[in-house]
Amino acid sequence: MSDNDPLGAFMAGFVVGGLAGAAAALLLAPQSGEETRAQIQQQGIELQARAQETLGEARKRADELITEAKEQGKVVLQEQKAKIEEGRKIVEKIEKEEPAVEPDTGEA
């Protein structure tokens, strides 16, 4: 992951934080091994569900950003095409108004 990927950094922090919290809770809780294993399993299921939900939201937001970027790209492209056409018209107008100047060859 690149250093400029806030979504990746968030996801990594989310997972690491969840695991650290679960580990701390298990180590500090006085209970039997069977209860601890059941709790680990339940917390793993909950963490997986939260991670999937977060991933789904991230994908949805990424799709929205992609769509928005495509639309903005289309607008910019149309604006540039219009400016190019405007420039062509100006050049054509200048060419019609001014006759072509032949270079001076130095011959008389």
C-alpha atoms as a PDB file:
ATOM      1  CA  MET A   1       0.000   0.000   0.000  1.00  0.00           C
ATOM      2  CA  SER A   2       1.210   3.500  -0.708  1.00  0.00           C
ATOM      3  CA  ASP A   3       1.630   6.115   1.977  1.00  0.00           C
ATOM      4  CA  ASN A   4      -1.056   8.205   0.272  1.00  0.00           C
ATOM      5  CA  ASP A   5      -3.792   5.561   0.567  1.00  0.00           C
ATOM      6  CA  PRO A   6      -6.068   6.724   3.410  1.00  0.00           C
ATOM      7  CA  LEU A   7      -8.529   3.878   2.853  1.00  0.00           C
ATOM      8  CA  GLY A   8      -5.784   1.260   3.148  1.00  0.00           C
ATOM      9  CA  ALA A   9      -4.400   2.925   6.253  1.00  0.00           C
ATOM     10  CA  PHE A  10      -7.870   3.023   7.793  1.00  0.00           C
ATOM     11  CA  MET A  11      -8.512  -0.642   7.027  1.00  0.00           C
ATOM     12  CA  ALA A  12      -5.143  -1.672   8.474  1.00  0.00           C
ATOM     13  CA  GLY A  13      -5.773   0.360  11.623  1.00  0.00           C
ATOM     14  CA  PHE A  14      -9.275  -1.033  11.887  1.00  0.00           C
ATOM     15  CA  VAL A  15      -8.104  -4.647  11.751  1.00  0.00           C
ATOM     16  CA  VAL A  16      -5.078  -4.154  14.013  1.00  0.00           C
ATOM     17  CA  GLY A  17      -7.150  -2.230  16.546  1.00  0.00           C
ATOM     18  CA  GLY A  18      -9.822  -4.899  16.570  1.00  0.00           C
ATOM     19  CA  LEU A  19      -7.301  -7.659  17.077  1.00  0.00           C
ATOM     20  CA  ALA A  20      -5.465  -5.761  19.822  1.00  0.00           C
ATOM     21  CA  GLY A  21      -8.705  -5.032  21.643  1.00  0.00           C
ATOM     22  CA  ALA A  22      -9.833  -8.639  21.407  1.00  0.00           C
ATOM     23  CA  ALA A  23      -6.469  -9.916  22.639  1.00  0.00           C
ATOM     24  CA  ALA A  24      -6.457  -7.517  25.597  1.00  0.00           C
ATOM     25  CA  ALA A  25     -10.004  -8.476  26.555  1.00  0.00           C
ATOM     26  CA  LEU A  26      -9.171 -12.175  26.451  1.00  0.00           C
ATOM     27  CA  LEU A  27      -5.979 -11.856  28.456  1.00  0.00           C
ATOM     28  CA  LEU A  28      -7.561  -9.736  31.178  1.00  0.00           C
ATOM     29  CA  ALA A  29     -10.811 -11.672  31.544  1.00  0.00           C
ATOM     30  CA  PRO A  30     -10.883 -14.394  34.250  1.00  0.00           C
ATOM     31  CA  GLN A  31     -12.723 -17.324  32.644  1.00  0.00           C
ATOM     32  CA  SER A  32     -12.269 -20.937  31.621  1.00  0.00           C
ATOM     33  CA  GLY A  33     -10.514 -22.025  28.450  1.00  0.00           C
ATOM     34  CA  GLU A  34     -13.775 -23.160  26.908  1.00  0.00           C
ATOM     35  CA  GLU A  35     -15.412 -19.813  27.598  1.00  0.00           C
ATOM     36  CA  THR A  36     -12.356 -18.028  26.228  1.00  0.00           C
ATOM     37  CA  ARG A  37     -12.430 -20.077  23.007  1.00  0.00           C
ATOM     38  CA  ALA A  38     -16.133 -19.367  22.558  1.00  0.00           C
ATOM     39  CA  GLN A  39     -15.514 -15.678  23.130  1.00  0.00           C
ATOM     40  CA  ILE A  40     -12.624 -15.687  20.632  1.00  0.00           C
ATOM     41  CA  GLN A  41     -14.849 -17.343  18.051  1.00  0.00           C
ATOM     42  CA  GLN A  42     -17.679 -14.856  18.633  1.00  0.00           C
ATOM     43  CA  GLN A  43     -15.362 -11.848  18.489  1.00  0.00           C
ATOM     44  CA  GLY A  44     -13.787 -13.207  15.311  1.00  0.00           C
ATOM     45  CA  ILE A  45     -17.220 -13.485  13.712  1.00  0.00           C
ATOM     46  CA  GLU A  46     -18.128  -9.953  14.795  1.00  0.00           C
ATOM     47  CA  LEU A  47     -14.811  -8.544  13.572  1.00  0.00           C
ATOM     48  CA  GLN A  48     -15.219 -10.270  10.225  1.00  0.00           C
ATOM     49  CA  ALA A  49     -18.730  -8.858   9.852  1.00  0.00           C
ATOM     50  CA  ARG A  50     -17.525  -5.330  10.675  1.00  0.00           C
ATOM     51  CA  ALA A  51     -14.607  -5.664   8.264  1.00  0.00           C
ATOM     52  CA  GLN A  52     -16.930  -6.837   5.480  1.00  0.00           C
ATOM     53  CA  GLU A  53     -19.315  -3.955   6.181  1.00  0.00           C
ATOM     54  CA  THR A  54     -16.463  -1.438   6.136  1.00  0.00           C
ATOM     55  CA  LEU A  55     -15.088  -2.940   2.936  1.00  0.00           C
ATOM     56  CA  GLY A  56     -18.519  -2.725   1.321  1.00  0.00           C
ATOM     57  CA  GLU A  57     -18.817   0.935   2.274  1.00  0.00           C
ATOM     58  CA  ALA A  58     -15.297   1.621   0.989  1.00  0.00           C
ATOM     59  CA  ARG A  59     -16.078  -0.061  -2.339  1.00  0.00           C
ATOM     60  CA  LYS A  60     -19.302   1.889  -2.671  1.00  0.00           C
ATOM     61  CA  ARG A  61     -17.477   5.166  -2.010  1.00  0.00           C
ATOM     62  CA  ALA A  62     -14.727   4.206  -4.460  1.00  0.00           C
ATOM     63  CA  ASP A  63     -17.348   3.507  -7.134  1.00  0.00           C
ATOM     64  CA  GLU A  64     -18.946   6.890  -6.444  1.00  0.00           C
ATOM     65  CA  LEU A  65     -15.577   8.629  -6.758  1.00  0.00           C
ATOM     66  CA  ILE A  66     -14.803   6.806 -10.007  1.00  0.00           C
ATOM     67  CA  THR A  67     -18.165   7.817 -11.475  1.00  0.00           C
ATOM     68  CA  GLU A  68     -17.653  11.413 -10.359  1.00  0.00           C
ATOM     69  CA  ALA A  69     -14.143  11.505 -11.847  1.00  0.00           C
ATOM     70  CA  LYS A  70     -15.404  10.123 -15.163  1.00  0.00           C
ATOM     71  CA  GLU A  71     -18.126  12.767 -15.322  1.00  0.00           C
ATOM     72  CA  GLN A  72     -15.661  15.541 -14.537  1.00  0.00           C
ATOM     73  CA  GLY A  73     -13.317  14.148 -17.182  1.00  0.00           C
ATOM     74  CA  LYS A  74     -16.092  14.270 -19.775  1.00  0.00           C
ATOM     75  CA  VAL A  75     -16.823  17.896 -18.910  1.00  0.00           C
ATOM     76  CA  VAL A  76     -13.154  18.872 -19.167  1.00  0.00           C
ATOM     77  CA  LEU A  77     -12.817  17.009 -22.465  1.00  0.00           C
ATOM     78  CA  GLN A  78     -15.807  18.825 -23.940  1.00  0.00           C
ATOM     79  CA  GLU A  79     -14.466  22.183 -22.752  1.00  0.00           C
ATOM     80  CA  GLN A  80     -11.086  21.480 -24.340  1.00  0.00           C
ATOM     81  CA  LYS A  81     -12.668  20.374 -27.611  1.00  0.00           C
ATOM     82  CA  ALA A  82     -14.644  23.622 -27.690  1.00  0.00           C
ATOM     83  CA  LYS A  83     -11.490  25.667 -27.058  1.00  0.00           C
ATOM     84  CA  ILE A  84      -9.616  23.807 -29.798  1.00  0.00           C
ATOM     85  CA  GLU A  85     -12.432  24.462 -32.247  1.00  0.00           C
ATOM     86  CA  GLU A  86     -12.495  28.130 -31.239  1.00  0.00           C
ATOM     87  CA  GLY A  87      -8.741  28.320 -31.860  1.00  0.00           C
ATOM     88  CA  ARG A  88      -9.140  26.723 -35.298  1.00  0.00           C
ATOM     89  CA  LYS A  89     -11.767  29.281 -36.244  1.00  0.00           C
ATOM     90  CA  ILE A  90      -9.507  32.135 -35.160  1.00  0.00           C
ATOM     91  CA  VAL A  91      -6.626  30.749 -37.229  1.00  0.00           C
ATOM     92  CA  GLU A  92      -8.884  30.333 -40.264  1.00  0.00           C
ATOM     93  CA  LYS A  93     -10.144  33.893 -39.892  1.00  0.00           C
ATOM     94  CA  ILE A  94      -6.592  35.262 -39.662  1.00  0.00           C
ATOM     95  CA  GLU A  95      -5.492  33.226 -42.681  1.00  0.00           C
ATOM     96  CA  LYS A  96      -8.397  34.582 -44.744  1.00  0.00           C
ATOM     97  CA  GLU A  97      -7.745  38.195 -43.722  1.00  0.00           C
ATOM     98  CA  GLU A  98      -3.972  38.231 -44.254  1.00  0.00           C
ATOM     99  CA  PRO A  99      -2.353  36.928 -47.411  1.00  0.00           C
ATOM    100  CA  ALA A 100       0.521  34.573 -46.934  1.00  0.00           C
ATOM    101  CA  VAL A 101       3.855  36.388 -46.735  1.00  0.00           C
ATOM    102  CA  GLU A 102       6.580  34.863 -48.855  1.00  0.00           C
ATOM    103  CA  PRO A 103      10.014  34.741 -47.258  1.00  0.00           C
ATOM    104  CA  ASP A 104      12.640  37.189 -48.555  1.00  0.00           C
ATOM    105  CA  THR A 105      15.185  35.147 -50.506  1.00  0.00           C
ATOM    106  CA  GLY A 106      17.487  38.094 -51.099  1.00  0.00           C
ATOM    107  CA  GLU A 107      17.037  37.968 -54.881  1.00  0.00           C
ATOM    108  CA  ALA A 108      15.937  41.094 -56.662  1.00  0.00           C
END
